[in-house]
Amino acid sequence: MKNEPYKIPLKLCPFCGAKAKVSFKNHAFKGQNGFGDKKIKYRVQVICNKCKSRGKPVFTDWLINPNPWMSAWGNQGEATTPRMIAQTEAFKPYVEIAIKAWNERASHDLRRTLF
C-alpha cells in the first residue's frame, strides 16, 4: 500500500512562479521509550524550490515516530506497519493546513498589493 502524502495540489510560488514542496523538520523532542519510539513535534511548511520563499509554518502536536526513515514524506520509503500508517495519517492534517496556507497566499495577486 503506497501512501499519498497529500491530495491538495500545490500552487506555484507567488513570487517567482516556480514549483514548491512540503518540508518538515523536527521542532521539539520529548523523549524516547524502550522500543526507540521518539515523541516529536514537527514544523511543517511549504518552500519554493527556486527562490526559497516559505509558507506559514504549522506545528504538530506530539507525534510518535516509530521509524523516522520510513514515512510518506521521507525519502526512504513508505509507512508499512499499522502503527506507522496511523502516525502518517495523524500527520496529514498538518500537511494539508500548510498547503492551504501556501495556496491562499499564492492566489493573491501580489502586483495589486505591492504597486
C-alpha atoms as a PDB file:
ATOM      1  CA  MET A   1       0.000   0.000   0.000  1.00  0.00           C
ATOM      2  CA  LYS A   2       1.566   3.267  -1.098  1.00  0.00           C
ATOM      3  CA  ASN A   3       0.721   6.336   0.956  1.00  0.00           C
ATOM      4  CA  GLU A   4      -0.194   9.565  -0.769  1.00  0.00           C
ATOM      5  CA  PRO A   5       1.486  12.418   1.135  1.00  0.00           C
ATOM      6  CA  TYR A   6      -1.293  14.895   0.310  1.00  0.00           C
ATOM      7  CA  LYS A   7      -4.152  15.256  -2.120  1.00  0.00           C
ATOM      8  CA  ILE A   8      -4.329  19.058  -2.328  1.00  0.00           C
ATOM      9  CA  PRO A   9      -2.247  20.324  -5.283  1.00  0.00           C
ATOM     10  CA  LEU A  10       0.368  22.974  -4.537  1.00  0.00           C
ATOM     11  CA  LYS A  11       0.085  26.250  -6.393  1.00  0.00           C
ATOM     12  CA  LEU A  12       3.151  27.828  -7.947  1.00  0.00           C
ATOM     13  CA  CYS A  13       5.234  30.322  -5.970  1.00  0.00           C
ATOM     14  CA  PRO A  14       3.588  33.769  -5.937  1.00  0.00           C
ATOM     15  CA  PHE A  15       6.998  35.471  -6.184  1.00  0.00           C
ATOM     16  CA  CYS A  16       8.857  33.596  -8.914  1.00  0.00           C
ATOM     17  CA  GLY A  17       6.304  31.159 -10.390  1.00  0.00           C
ATOM     18  CA  ALA A  18       8.360  28.041  -9.628  1.00  0.00           C
ATOM     19  CA  LYS A  19       7.134  24.776  -8.102  1.00  0.00           C
ATOM     20  CA  ALA A  20       7.140  24.299  -4.329  1.00  0.00           C
ATOM     21  CA  LYS A  21       7.446  21.346  -1.961  1.00  0.00           C
ATOM     22  CA  VAL A  22       6.253  20.385   1.509  1.00  0.00           C
ATOM     23  CA  SER A  23       9.066  20.455   4.050  1.00  0.00           C
ATOM     24  CA  PHE A  24       9.086  19.174   7.603  1.00  0.00           C
ATOM     25  CA  LYS A  25      11.667  19.284  10.372  1.00  0.00           C
ATOM     26  CA  ASN A  26      11.856  18.220  13.987  1.00  0.00           C
ATOM     27  CA  HIS A  27      10.803  21.156  16.135  1.00  0.00           C
ATOM     28  CA  ALA A  28      10.905  19.637  19.618  1.00  0.00           C
ATOM     29  CA  PHE A  29      11.873  16.287  21.126  1.00  0.00           C
ATOM     30  CA  LYS A  30      10.131  14.988  24.247  1.00  0.00           C
ATOM     31  CA  GLY A  31      11.787  11.616  24.785  1.00  0.00           C
ATOM     32  CA  GLN A  32      12.019   8.035  23.719  1.00  0.00           C
ATOM     33  CA  ASN A  33      10.546   4.792  25.047  1.00  0.00           C
ATOM     34  CA  GLY A  34      12.251   1.397  25.398  1.00  0.00           C
ATOM     35  CA  PHE A  35      11.344   0.480  21.820  1.00  0.00           C
ATOM     36  CA  GLY A  36      13.155   3.503  20.396  1.00  0.00           C
ATOM     37  CA  ASP A  37       9.953   5.361  19.508  1.00  0.00           C
ATOM     38  CA  LYS A  38      10.559   9.116  19.630  1.00  0.00           C
ATOM     39  CA  LYS A  39       7.940  11.651  20.659  1.00  0.00           C
ATOM     40  CA  ILE A  40       8.450  14.644  18.384  1.00  0.00           C
ATOM     41  CA  LYS A  41       6.747  17.884  17.373  1.00  0.00           C
ATOM     42  CA  TYR A  42       7.330  18.818  13.734  1.00  0.00           C
ATOM     43  CA  ARG A  43       7.370  22.115  11.870  1.00  0.00           C
ATOM     44  CA  VAL A  44       5.619  21.693   8.507  1.00  0.00           C
ATOM     45  CA  GLN A  45       5.713  24.328   5.762  1.00  0.00           C
ATOM     46  CA  VAL A  46       5.810  24.760   2.013  1.00  0.00           C
ATOM     47  CA  ILE A  47       9.048  26.045   0.458  1.00  0.00           C
ATOM     48  CA  CYS A  48       9.625  27.279  -3.100  1.00  0.00           C
ATOM     49  CA  ASN A  49      12.190  25.172  -4.957  1.00  0.00           C
ATOM     50  CA  LYS A  50      13.693  28.204  -6.714  1.00  0.00           C
ATOM     51  CA  CYS A  51      13.566  31.378  -4.591  1.00  0.00           C
ATOM     52  CA  LYS A  52      13.172  29.522  -1.250  1.00  0.00           C
ATOM     53  CA  SER A  53      10.245  31.650  -0.082  1.00  0.00           C
ATOM     54  CA  ARG A  54       8.355  29.904   2.698  1.00  0.00           C
ATOM     55  CA  GLY A  55       4.753  29.499   3.654  1.00  0.00           C
ATOM     56  CA  LYS A  56       3.372  29.885   7.154  1.00  0.00           C
ATOM     57  CA  PRO A  57       4.846  27.189   9.443  1.00  0.00           C
ATOM     58  CA  VAL A  58       2.440  24.733  11.053  1.00  0.00           C
ATOM     59  CA  PHE A  59       3.465  22.955  14.261  1.00  0.00           C
ATOM     60  CA  THR A  60       2.161  19.470  15.004  1.00  0.00           C
ATOM     61  CA  ASP A  61       1.078  18.045  18.324  1.00  0.00           C
ATOM     62  CA  TRP A  62       3.346  15.431  19.898  1.00  0.00           C
ATOM     63  CA  LEU A  63       3.579  12.502  17.489  1.00  0.00           C
ATOM     64  CA  ILE A  64       5.291   9.156  17.936  1.00  0.00           C
ATOM     65  CA  ASN A  65       7.636   8.370  15.091  1.00  0.00           C
ATOM     66  CA  PRO A  66       8.437   4.634  15.261  1.00  0.00           C
ATOM     67  CA  ASN A  67      10.923   4.851  12.393  1.00  0.00           C
ATOM     68  CA  PRO A  68      11.929   8.324  11.197  1.00  0.00           C
ATOM     69  CA  TRP A  69      13.400   6.967   7.948  1.00  0.00           C
ATOM     70  CA  MET A  70      10.128   5.390   6.803  1.00  0.00           C
ATOM     71  CA  SER A  71       7.227   7.747   6.213  1.00  0.00           C
ATOM     72  CA  ALA A  72       5.134   9.048   3.372  1.00  0.00           C
ATOM     73  CA  TRP A  73       7.136  12.285   3.450  1.00  0.00           C
ATOM     74  CA  GLY A  74      10.596  10.808   3.876  1.00  0.00           C
ATOM     75  CA  ASN A  75      12.948   9.809   1.087  1.00  0.00           C
ATOM     76  CA  GLN A  76      13.455   6.184   2.059  1.00  0.00           C
ATOM     77  CA  GLY A  77      10.102   4.530   1.513  1.00  0.00           C
ATOM     78  CA  GLU A  78       6.602   4.357   2.821  1.00  0.00           C
ATOM     79  CA  ALA A  79       4.868   3.528   6.080  1.00  0.00           C
ATOM     80  CA  THR A  80       4.390  -0.227   6.219  1.00  0.00           C
ATOM     81  CA  THR A  81       3.265  -1.208   9.723  1.00  0.00           C
ATOM     82  CA  PRO A  82      -0.170  -0.372  11.194  1.00  0.00           C
ATOM     83  CA  ARG A  83       1.451   1.900  13.772  1.00  0.00           C
ATOM     84  CA  MET A  84       3.451   3.795  11.128  1.00  0.00           C
ATOM     85  CA  ILE A  85       0.367   4.135   8.924  1.00  0.00           C
ATOM     86  CA  ALA A  86      -1.600   5.528  11.896  1.00  0.00           C
ATOM     87  CA  GLN A  87       1.116   8.121  12.591  1.00  0.00           C
ATOM     88  CA  THR A  88       1.267   9.046   8.916  1.00  0.00           C
ATOM     89  CA  GLU A  89      -2.499   9.603   8.972  1.00  0.00           C
ATOM     90  CA  ALA A  90      -2.108  11.775  12.099  1.00  0.00           C
ATOM     91  CA  PHE A  91       0.477  13.868  10.218  1.00  0.00           C
ATOM     92  CA  LYS A  92      -1.686  14.506   7.125  1.00  0.00           C
ATOM     93  CA  PRO A  93      -3.941  17.253   8.581  1.00  0.00           C
ATOM     94  CA  TYR A  94      -0.901  19.388   9.377  1.00  0.00           C
ATOM     95  CA  VAL A  95       0.413  18.990   5.831  1.00  0.00           C
ATOM     96  CA  GLU A  96      -2.983  19.955   4.446  1.00  0.00           C
ATOM     97  CA  ILE A  97      -3.109  23.081   6.655  1.00  0.00           C
ATOM     98  CA  ALA A  98       0.368  24.124   5.434  1.00  0.00           C
ATOM     99  CA  ILE A  99      -0.650  23.566   1.800  1.00  0.00           C
ATOM    100  CA  LYS A 100      -3.875  25.541   2.222  1.00  0.00           C
ATOM    101  CA  ALA A 101      -1.940  28.446   3.792  1.00  0.00           C
ATOM    102  CA  TRP A 102       0.521  28.397   0.867  1.00  0.00           C
ATOM    103  CA  ASN A 103      -2.235  28.206  -1.720  1.00  0.00           C
ATOM    104  CA  GLU A 104      -4.123  31.134  -0.167  1.00  0.00           C
ATOM    105  CA  ARG A 105      -1.006  33.263  -0.329  1.00  0.00           C
ATOM    106  CA  ALA A 106      -0.232  32.076  -3.839  1.00  0.00           C
ATOM    107  CA  SER A 107      -3.721  33.029  -5.037  1.00  0.00           C
ATOM    108  CA  HIS A 108      -3.349  36.705  -4.109  1.00  0.00           C
ATOM    109  CA  ASP A 109      -2.271  38.998  -6.907  1.00  0.00           C
ATOM    110  CA  LEU A 110       0.889  40.482  -5.407  1.00  0.00           C
ATOM    111  CA  ARG A 111       1.214  43.156  -8.065  1.00  0.00           C
ATOM    112  CA  ARG A 112      -2.003  44.764  -6.792  1.00  0.00           C
ATOM    113  CA  THR A 113      -0.799  44.850  -3.188  1.00  0.00           C
ATOM    114  CA  LEU A 114       2.757  45.997  -3.978  1.00  0.00           C
ATOM    115  CA  PHE A 115       2.081  48.715  -6.546  1.00  0.00           C
END
